[in-house]
C-alpha cells in the first residue's frame, strides 16, 4: 500500500499564491482578488537546521493545499516522523521553484533518516539545483559525503530555462530502491543508478531544502515499488 502523502507550504503574497495555484492544482488556494488564506504550520512536522542556533523564526513553513509552501532562511530538513520507507520502495516529490534570483541553492528529498534530532543523525539525500544539475550525498552526524557529485542533466528544469508563460519551474524527483539497486529520476527520466551498498535508505523520509529558497511542494509520497515503472503501486 502507498505510504503517507505529505504536504508543505511557505510565505508568499496573494499574487504569488495565485500564480502557483494556476500552475499546480485544480483548486487554487487563493487568487489576486481574494484575501490570502490563514496558513498554519503542518501538524506533526519536525525541522532540523544545518546551522546550530538557527531559529524557527528564520523559516516559513505552512500547509497550503495542495501540499506545502516553504521559504527558507538557513538550510534544513523537514519531515513527519511517521513517514517511513523500507525494503523495496519508490519515493516521489513534486516541487515548484519560485524565482531564485540567480542563486543556485539545492532542494529535493532525503531517505533513510535516523536520529534526526540527535547527534547521530543520518540520511541519504537527492537534490537538484538551478543550472540543471543533480547531486546525491549522505549525512552521518556532522559530516557529509558525496555519492554522486553535481552532474548536469537535461531532465532537470531550471527557473532560467522554464517556459516563459510559467511562473515557476517544476521538477518531479523520484527514487526507486529495488533490491540492491537505487535508481534516481528527474521528471520521469532516469538520471543515475548505483548499488544500494551501505547507503542509508530505510527510515524516515522528508524534504531537504538549502538556504534562501521559495518552493511549493505539492506532494512527497512513498509506496511499494511498481516494477512496471509506473510509480508507486496502489
Protein backbone atom coordinates (compact mmCIF):
# COMPACT_ATOMS: atom_id res chain seq x y z
CA UNK A 1 0.00 0.00 0.00
CA UNK A 2 1.21 3.56 -0.60
CA UNK A 3 2.80 5.39 2.30
CA UNK A 4 1.66 8.76 3.60
CA UNK A 5 1.35 11.70 1.24
CA UNK A 6 2.94 14.71 2.84
CA UNK A 7 2.17 18.34 2.36
CA UNK A 8 4.08 21.65 2.88
CA UNK A 9 3.82 25.46 2.38
CA UNK A 10 5.52 28.94 2.90
CA UNK A 11 5.08 32.75 2.94
CA UNK A 12 4.13 34.34 -0.35
CA UNK A 13 1.87 37.20 -1.29
CA UNK A 14 -1.58 36.73 -2.76
CA UNK A 15 -0.46 37.25 -6.35
CA UNK A 16 2.26 34.61 -5.97
CA UNK A 17 -0.29 32.24 -4.46
CA UNK A 18 -2.49 32.74 -7.48
CA UNK A 19 0.38 32.05 -9.87
CA UNK A 20 1.29 28.88 -8.00
CA UNK A 21 -2.29 27.70 -7.96
CA UNK A 22 -2.70 28.17 -11.69
CA UNK A 23 0.33 26.02 -12.35
CA UNK A 24 -0.12 23.40 -9.66
CA UNK A 25 -3.71 22.46 -8.97
CA UNK A 26 -7.31 22.48 -9.97
CA UNK A 27 -8.44 24.18 -6.75
CA UNK A 28 -6.44 27.38 -6.19
CA UNK A 29 -5.64 28.31 -2.58
CA UNK A 30 -6.12 31.99 -3.37
CA UNK A 31 -6.37 34.50 -6.16
CA UNK A 32 -5.02 38.01 -6.53
CA UNK A 33 -8.54 39.32 -5.87
CA UNK A 34 -9.04 37.35 -2.64
CA UNK A 35 -7.55 37.65 0.80
CA UNK A 36 -4.86 35.00 1.30
CA UNK A 37 -5.98 32.06 3.43
CA UNK A 38 -4.97 31.57 7.04
CA UNK A 39 -1.89 29.40 6.78
CA UNK A 40 -0.68 27.13 9.56
CA UNK A 41 2.41 25.07 10.28
CA UNK A 42 1.86 21.47 9.09
CA UNK A 43 0.71 19.35 12.00
CA UNK A 44 3.27 16.88 13.31
CA UNK A 45 6.15 18.05 11.12
CA UNK A 46 9.64 18.49 12.54
CA UNK A 47 12.58 20.57 11.32
CA UNK A 48 16.31 20.39 11.80
CA UNK A 49 18.56 23.18 10.61
CA UNK A 50 22.11 22.60 9.40
CA UNK A 51 23.27 25.58 11.41
CA UNK A 52 23.31 25.26 15.18
CA UNK A 53 21.37 28.06 16.83
CA UNK A 54 19.10 28.74 13.85
CA UNK A 55 15.57 29.72 14.83
CA UNK A 56 12.16 28.75 13.55
CA UNK A 57 11.72 32.49 13.09
CA UNK A 58 14.08 32.06 10.12
CA UNK A 59 11.65 29.66 8.39
CA UNK A 60 8.19 29.99 6.91
CA UNK A 61 6.65 26.53 6.51
CA UNK A 62 2.90 26.17 6.15
CA UNK A 63 0.26 23.79 4.89
CA UNK A 64 -1.11 25.18 1.64
CA UNK A 65 -3.26 22.72 -0.30
CA UNK A 66 -2.23 21.05 -2.36
CA UNK A 67 0.85 20.43 -0.30
CA UNK A 68 3.19 22.82 1.48
CA UNK A 69 4.93 26.05 0.78
CA UNK A 70 8.36 26.59 2.28
CA UNK A 71 10.58 29.66 2.28
CA UNK A 72 13.92 29.10 3.94
CA UNK A 73 16.45 31.12 5.77
CA UNK A 74 19.11 28.53 6.76
CA UNK A 75 19.34 25.10 5.09
CA UNK A 76 17.26 22.37 6.71
CA UNK A 77 15.43 19.09 6.60
CA UNK A 78 11.67 18.93 7.26
CA UNK A 79 9.73 15.73 7.83
CA UNK A 80 6.92 13.94 9.61
CA UNK A 81 8.37 11.24 11.91
CA UNK A 82 5.66 8.77 10.84
CA UNK A 83 6.81 8.95 7.21
CA UNK A 84 8.95 5.84 6.90
CA UNK A 85 10.02 3.78 3.88
CA UNK A 86 11.89 0.48 3.96
CA UNK A 87 12.66 -2.50 1.78
CA UNK A 88 11.77 -2.08 -1.89
CA UNK A 89 10.00 1.26 -2.35
CA UNK A 90 9.59 4.32 -4.53
CA UNK A 91 9.57 7.90 -3.24
CA UNK A 92 8.44 10.78 -5.43
CA UNK A 93 8.17 14.51 -4.84
CA UNK A 94 6.75 17.30 -7.00
CA UNK A 95 8.25 20.74 -6.38
CA UNK A 96 7.71 24.17 -7.91
CA UNK A 97 10.60 26.62 -7.64
CA UNK A 98 9.87 30.34 -7.49
CA UNK A 99 12.41 32.85 -8.78
CA UNK A 100 15.74 32.05 -7.04
CA UNK A 101 17.08 35.48 -8.09
CA UNK A 102 20.24 33.98 -9.54
CA UNK A 103 21.07 31.74 -6.57
CA UNK A 104 21.90 28.11 -7.25
CA UNK A 105 20.76 26.61 -3.96
CA UNK A 106 19.63 22.99 -3.98
CA UNK A 107 16.42 21.23 -2.97
CA UNK A 108 14.94 17.74 -3.06
CA UNK A 109 14.32 14.97 -0.55
CA UNK A 110 16.08 12.62 1.84
CA UNK A 111 15.55 8.96 2.72
CA UNK A 112 16.89 6.60 5.35
CA UNK A 113 16.59 9.12 8.15
CA UNK A 114 17.52 8.15 11.68
CA UNK A 115 18.25 10.02 14.94
CA UNK A 116 17.22 13.16 13.08
CA UNK A 117 17.16 15.35 16.17
CA UNK A 118 20.20 13.73 17.77
CA UNK A 119 23.98 13.78 17.37
CA UNK A 120 23.94 10.64 15.22
CA UNK A 121 21.61 11.96 12.52
CA UNK A 122 21.89 10.06 9.26
CA UNK A 123 20.22 10.19 5.86
CA UNK A 124 20.82 10.00 2.11
CA UNK A 125 19.67 12.95 0.02
CA UNK A 126 18.88 13.60 -3.64
CA UNK A 127 18.89 17.22 -4.80
CA UNK A 128 18.65 19.38 -7.91
CA UNK A 129 19.69 22.99 -8.42
CA UNK A 130 19.45 25.89 -10.84
CA UNK A 131 21.61 25.25 -13.89
CA UNK A 132 20.17 21.78 -14.48
CA UNK A 133 22.24 19.61 -12.14
CA UNK A 134 21.58 16.83 -9.62
CA UNK A 135 23.51 15.54 -6.60
CA UNK A 136 23.42 12.55 -4.23
CA UNK A 137 25.04 12.82 -0.78
CA UNK A 138 24.88 11.24 2.65
CA UNK A 139 24.99 12.72 6.14
CA UNK A 140 26.29 10.99 9.24
CA UNK A 141 26.40 13.13 12.34
CA UNK A 142 28.03 16.45 11.48
CA UNK A 143 29.74 15.05 8.38
CA UNK A 144 28.56 14.68 4.80
CA UNK A 145 29.95 12.62 1.93
CA UNK A 146 29.39 12.93 -1.82
CA UNK A 147 27.97 9.83 -3.50
CA UNK A 148 27.38 11.45 -6.90
CA UNK A 149 28.79 14.94 -7.37
CA UNK A 150 26.92 17.71 -9.16
CA UNK A 151 26.08 16.33 -12.60
CA UNK A 152 24.39 18.20 -15.47
CA UNK A 153 21.32 16.56 -16.96
CA UNK A 154 18.80 17.88 -19.47
CA UNK A 155 15.90 16.43 -17.46
CA UNK A 156 16.39 18.96 -14.64
CA UNK A 157 14.23 22.05 -15.15
CA UNK A 158 15.85 25.38 -14.24
CA UNK A 159 13.95 28.56 -13.49
CA UNK A 160 16.07 30.35 -16.09
CA UNK A 161 15.06 27.92 -18.86
CA UNK A 162 11.43 27.27 -17.93
CA UNK A 163 8.70 28.13 -20.44
CA UNK A 164 8.14 31.90 -20.39
CA UNK A 165 4.44 31.60 -19.60
CA UNK A 166 5.12 29.77 -16.33
CA UNK A 167 5.84 31.50 -13.02
CA UNK A 168 7.67 28.51 -11.53
CA UNK A 169 9.99 25.69 -12.56
CA UNK A 170 8.54 22.25 -11.88
CA UNK A 171 10.70 19.25 -11.00
CA UNK A 172 9.47 15.77 -10.10
CA UNK A 173 12.16 13.80 -8.29
CA UNK A 174 11.91 10.07 -7.62
CA UNK A 175 14.00 7.32 -6.11
CA UNK A 176 13.41 3.60 -6.58
CA UNK A 177 15.01 1.25 -4.08
CA UNK A 178 14.89 -2.12 -5.81
CA UNK A 179 16.79 -4.92 -4.12
CA UNK A 180 20.47 -3.97 -4.25
CA UNK A 181 19.96 -1.12 -6.74
CA UNK A 182 18.97 2.54 -6.36
CA UNK A 183 17.57 4.39 -9.38
CA UNK A 184 17.22 8.18 -9.45
CA UNK A 185 14.73 10.00 -11.70
CA UNK A 186 14.01 13.61 -12.61
CA UNK A 187 10.81 14.45 -14.48
CA UNK A 188 10.30 10.82 -15.45
CA UNK A 189 13.80 10.27 -16.82
CA UNK A 190 16.36 8.10 -15.07
CA UNK A 191 19.43 10.26 -14.42
CA UNK A 192 21.60 7.82 -12.45
CA UNK A 193 21.73 4.47 -10.66
CA UNK A 194 24.06 2.91 -8.11
CA UNK A 195 24.35 -0.09 -5.81
CA UNK A 196 22.43 0.27 -2.57
CA UNK A 197 25.53 -0.87 -0.72
CA UNK A 198 25.99 0.87 2.62
CA UNK A 199 23.81 3.89 1.82
CA UNK A 200 21.15 4.75 4.37
CA UNK A 201 17.80 4.16 2.66
CA UNK A 202 15.49 2.54 5.23
CA UNK A 203 13.98 5.05 7.64
CA UNK A 204 12.25 8.42 7.73
CA UNK A 205 11.95 10.41 4.52
CA UNK A 206 11.25 14.10 4.02
CA UNK A 207 12.36 17.33 2.42
CA UNK A 208 15.84 18.76 2.11
CA UNK A 209 15.98 22.49 1.26
CA UNK A 210 19.03 24.73 1.18
CA UNK A 211 19.01 28.37 2.29
CA UNK A 212 17.20 31.26 0.66
CA UNK A 213 14.69 29.29 -1.44
CA UNK A 214 10.97 29.73 -2.08
CA UNK A 215 9.24 26.46 -3.02
CA UNK A 216 5.85 24.86 -3.21
CA UNK A 217 5.85 21.08 -2.70
CA UNK A 218 2.60 19.55 -3.83
CA UNK A 219 3.44 16.00 -2.73
CA UNK A 220 6.12 13.78 -1.32
CA UNK A 221 4.81 10.24 -1.30
CA UNK A 222 6.19 6.76 -0.75
CA UNK A 223 4.79 3.49 -1.97
CA UNK A 224 5.60 -0.10 -2.76
CA UNK A 225 7.81 -0.34 -5.82
CA UNK A 226 5.88 -0.83 -9.04
CA UNK A 227 8.32 -2.68 -11.26
CA UNK A 228 6.26 -1.82 -14.30
CA UNK A 229 7.79 1.64 -13.99
CA UNK A 230 4.53 3.48 -13.38
CA UNK A 231 5.30 4.91 -9.97
CA UNK A 232 4.05 3.76 -6.58
CA UNK A 233 1.83 0.70 -6.61
CA UNK A 234 -1.72 1.05 -5.46
